[in-house]
Amino acid sequence: MKKLAKSAVSLLEQLFITMFVISLVFTYIFRVVNVDGESMCNTFADGDRIIINLADRSYKTGDIAVMYPQNAVILDENGSISKGEGIGKVIIKRIIATEGQTVDIDFSAGIVTVDGERLYEDYLDLGLTHYDGGAFTGKYPVTVPRGYVFVMGDNRSVSLDSRSDKIGFVAEDDIIGEAFIRIYPRFEMYP
């Protein structure tokens, strides 16, 4: 009886330590999030569950990031940064350009260029970039300010992203993490 009680206590101890370590990992290193909406189709669909990496804070062009834009960061009529009311929710988008890079969009042709080089976006199955959300209307090309990124959804016709006057440039501090693995409805890793 004593041996059985000792084994039970040992098992409970191991279980508690395991749950504590898992809790720490999913608080400070990884987080599971649900995709809400169609703006990242065909890469992610509404209802997908993904794991994001919270630890790696070095973002680059092409990364898919989950963010909470606190303010809309756009350019005023003088080309200076102007902050407005943000979208007020967590979003997932692809980073198109980082600080110091220049983004230009030819809305009639649907072509996005960064630093004068056309982006070849093989992940765009649902059309090119024809929608202008009003953030930088008449001001393209725009150079991404220090500490910010320019983001766009993969489903450009419905995505509320840096083109929108509700988002504009996104502060790197507003990025929660980078998409790492899709766990539902099918398992898939992302670079």
Protein backbone atom coordinates (compact mmCIF):
# COMPACT_ATOMS: atom_id res chain seq x y z
CA MET A 1 0.00 0.00 0.00
CA LYS A 2 2.86 2.35 0.89
CA LYS A 3 4.61 1.54 -2.41
CA LEU A 4 1.40 2.23 -4.37
CA ALA A 5 0.92 5.61 -2.64
CA LYS A 6 4.55 6.51 -3.32
CA SER A 7 4.12 5.61 -7.03
CA ALA A 8 0.94 7.66 -7.25
CA VAL A 9 2.63 10.70 -5.70
CA SER A 10 5.60 10.30 -8.07
CA LEU A 11 3.25 10.04 -11.07
CA LEU A 12 1.30 13.14 -9.98
CA GLU A 13 4.57 15.01 -9.47
CA GLN A 14 5.77 14.12 -12.98
CA LEU A 15 2.40 15.05 -14.43
CA PHE A 16 2.43 18.42 -12.66
CA ILE A 17 5.98 19.20 -13.87
CA THR A 18 5.09 18.18 -17.44
CA MET A 19 1.97 20.35 -17.44
CA PHE A 20 3.97 23.26 -15.99
CA VAL A 21 6.64 22.99 -18.71
CA ILE A 22 4.00 22.71 -21.46
CA SER A 23 2.24 25.76 -20.02
CA LEU A 24 5.50 27.76 -20.07
CA VAL A 25 6.28 26.71 -23.65
CA PHE A 26 2.79 27.70 -24.89
CA THR A 27 2.93 30.99 -23.00
CA TYR A 28 6.38 32.27 -23.95
CA ILE A 29 7.53 30.36 -27.06
CA PHE A 30 4.51 29.15 -29.05
CA ARG A 31 0.81 29.93 -29.19
CA VAL A 32 -2.12 28.32 -30.97
CA VAL A 33 -4.35 30.78 -32.86
CA ASN A 34 -7.42 30.41 -35.06
CA VAL A 35 -7.58 32.02 -38.49
CA ASP A 36 -10.66 34.25 -38.74
CA GLY A 37 -11.72 35.25 -42.24
CA GLU A 38 -10.74 34.68 -45.86
CA SER A 39 -7.98 37.28 -46.30
CA MET A 40 -5.18 34.68 -46.36
CA CYS A 41 -6.83 32.19 -48.75
CA ASN A 42 -5.41 29.97 -50.26
CA THR A 43 -2.56 29.83 -47.75
CA PHE A 44 -4.92 29.70 -44.74
CA ALA A 45 -8.68 29.33 -44.66
CA ASP A 46 -11.23 30.56 -42.14
CA GLY A 47 -11.14 28.19 -39.15
CA ASP A 48 -7.59 26.90 -39.64
CA ARG A 49 -5.60 26.49 -36.45
CA ILE A 50 -1.95 27.44 -36.53
CA ILE A 51 0.94 27.56 -34.10
CA ILE A 52 2.88 30.83 -34.06
CA ASN A 53 6.45 31.34 -32.90
CA LEU A 54 6.57 34.06 -30.24
CA ALA A 55 10.31 33.85 -29.61
CA ASP A 56 11.83 34.77 -33.00
CA ARG A 57 11.43 38.55 -33.41
CA SER A 58 13.46 38.90 -36.64
CA TYR A 59 10.85 39.38 -39.35
CA LYS A 60 11.61 39.37 -43.05
CA THR A 61 9.77 39.76 -46.33
CA GLY A 62 7.54 36.76 -47.01
CA ASP A 63 6.96 35.84 -43.35
CA ILE A 64 3.35 35.27 -42.33
CA ALA A 65 2.71 37.11 -39.08
CA VAL A 66 -0.09 37.39 -36.55
CA MET A 67 -0.44 40.96 -35.28
CA TYR A 68 -2.61 43.34 -33.31
CA PRO A 69 -2.25 46.78 -34.94
CA GLN A 70 -2.88 49.26 -32.13
CA ASN A 71 -3.13 52.26 -34.47
CA ALA A 72 -3.60 52.91 -38.16
CA VAL A 73 -0.25 54.32 -39.28
CA ILE A 74 -0.54 56.20 -42.57
CA LEU A 75 1.02 59.21 -44.24
CA ASP A 76 -0.59 62.65 -44.02
CA GLU A 77 -0.74 65.14 -46.91
CA ASN A 78 2.86 66.20 -46.17
CA GLY A 79 4.17 62.62 -46.25
CA SER A 80 4.66 62.51 -42.47
CA ILE A 81 3.48 59.62 -40.30
CA SER A 82 -0.04 60.07 -38.99
CA LYS A 83 -1.72 57.76 -36.49
CA GLY A 84 -5.41 57.01 -36.42
CA GLU A 85 -7.77 54.51 -34.88
CA GLY A 86 -6.67 50.91 -35.57
CA ILE A 87 -8.74 47.95 -36.61
CA GLY A 88 -9.12 46.67 -33.03
CA LYS A 89 -8.59 42.97 -33.66
CA VAL A 90 -5.90 40.37 -34.20
CA ILE A 91 -5.09 39.75 -37.89
CA ILE A 92 -2.83 37.45 -39.90
CA LYS A 93 -0.99 38.79 -42.97
CA ARG A 94 2.13 38.29 -45.07
CA ILE A 95 5.00 40.75 -44.60
CA ILE A 96 5.65 42.37 -47.99
CA ALA A 97 8.32 44.87 -46.93
CA THR A 98 10.32 45.77 -43.83
CA GLU A 99 11.78 49.07 -42.62
CA GLY A 100 13.61 51.09 -45.26
CA GLN A 101 12.10 49.19 -48.20
CA THR A 102 9.98 51.01 -50.77
CA VAL A 103 6.62 49.56 -51.83
CA ASP A 104 4.88 50.55 -55.06
CA ILE A 105 1.59 49.14 -56.29
CA ASP A 106 0.27 49.49 -59.84
CA PHE A 107 -3.41 48.90 -59.10
CA SER A 108 -4.46 48.88 -62.76
CA ALA A 109 -1.98 46.07 -63.58
CA GLY A 110 -2.24 44.46 -60.13
CA ILE A 111 1.55 44.44 -59.66
CA VAL A 112 3.42 44.98 -56.38
CA THR A 113 7.07 46.03 -56.41
CA VAL A 114 9.50 46.32 -53.51
CA ASP A 115 12.64 48.38 -54.04
CA GLY A 116 11.87 48.45 -57.76
CA GLU A 117 11.68 44.65 -58.08
CA ARG A 118 8.37 43.02 -58.97
CA LEU A 119 7.16 40.50 -56.40
CA TYR A 120 6.44 37.13 -57.95
CA GLU A 121 3.75 35.93 -55.61
CA ASP A 122 3.02 32.31 -56.47
CA TYR A 123 0.80 32.09 -53.36
CA LEU A 124 -1.78 34.43 -55.00
CA ASP A 125 -4.36 32.06 -56.48
CA LEU A 126 -7.28 34.45 -56.12
CA GLY A 127 -6.14 37.40 -58.23
CA LEU A 128 -3.69 40.25 -58.35
CA THR A 129 -3.60 43.48 -56.34
CA HIS A 130 -6.28 45.77 -57.74
CA TYR A 131 -7.91 46.95 -54.50
CA ASP A 132 -6.63 50.20 -52.93
CA GLY A 133 -7.81 50.60 -49.32
CA GLY A 134 -7.09 54.33 -49.13
CA ALA A 135 -4.12 54.36 -46.73
CA PHE A 136 -1.65 55.77 -49.23
CA THR A 137 -3.84 56.77 -52.18
CA GLY A 138 -1.85 59.11 -54.40
CA LYS A 139 1.28 58.61 -52.28
CA TYR A 140 2.75 55.41 -53.79
CA PRO A 141 5.55 54.52 -53.77
CA VAL A 142 5.89 54.53 -49.96
CA THR A 143 8.98 53.78 -47.88
CA VAL A 144 8.41 51.71 -44.76
CA PRO A 145 9.49 53.71 -41.68
CA ARG A 146 11.90 52.41 -39.07
CA GLY A 147 10.23 49.91 -36.71
CA TYR A 148 7.35 49.13 -39.09
CA VAL A 149 6.40 46.58 -41.77
CA PHE A 150 4.06 46.66 -44.78
CA VAL A 151 1.67 43.68 -44.78
CA MET A 152 -0.85 42.24 -47.23
CA GLY A 153 -3.24 39.31 -47.21
CA ASP A 154 -2.89 36.63 -49.86
CA ASN A 155 -6.52 37.10 -50.95
CA ARG A 156 -5.98 40.68 -52.10
CA SER A 157 -9.56 41.44 -53.17
CA VAL A 158 -10.94 41.07 -49.62
CA SER A 159 -7.92 41.64 -47.37
CA LEU A 160 -7.88 44.54 -44.94
CA ASP A 161 -4.13 45.19 -44.73
CA SER A 162 -1.49 47.92 -45.09
CA ARG A 163 -3.38 49.32 -48.07
CA SER A 164 -6.26 50.19 -45.73
CA ASP A 165 -6.55 53.46 -43.84
CA LYS A 166 -7.59 51.29 -40.84
CA ILE A 167 -4.15 49.62 -40.73
CA GLY A 168 -1.40 51.21 -42.85
CA PHE A 169 2.12 50.40 -41.66
CA VAL A 170 2.22 47.89 -38.78
CA ALA A 171 4.61 48.47 -35.87
CA GLU A 172 6.98 45.55 -35.29
CA ASP A 173 5.99 45.80 -31.61
CA ASP A 174 2.40 44.98 -32.65
CA ILE A 175 3.47 41.65 -34.18
CA ILE A 176 2.59 38.80 -31.86
CA GLY A 177 4.44 36.05 -33.73
CA GLU A 178 5.16 34.29 -36.99
CA ALA A 179 3.13 31.39 -38.43
CA PHE A 180 5.08 28.22 -37.83
CA ILE A 181 2.81 25.19 -38.28
CA ARG A 182 -0.77 24.62 -39.38
CA ILE A 183 -2.22 21.95 -37.09
CA TYR A 184 -5.83 21.87 -38.31
CA PRO A 185 -7.40 20.79 -40.65
CA ARG A 186 -4.12 19.35 -41.96
CA PHE A 187 -0.58 19.47 -40.61
CA GLU A 188 1.79 21.69 -42.60
CA MET A 189 5.00 23.53 -41.65
CA TYR A 190 5.89 27.02 -42.90
CA PRO A 191 9.39 28.33 -43.56
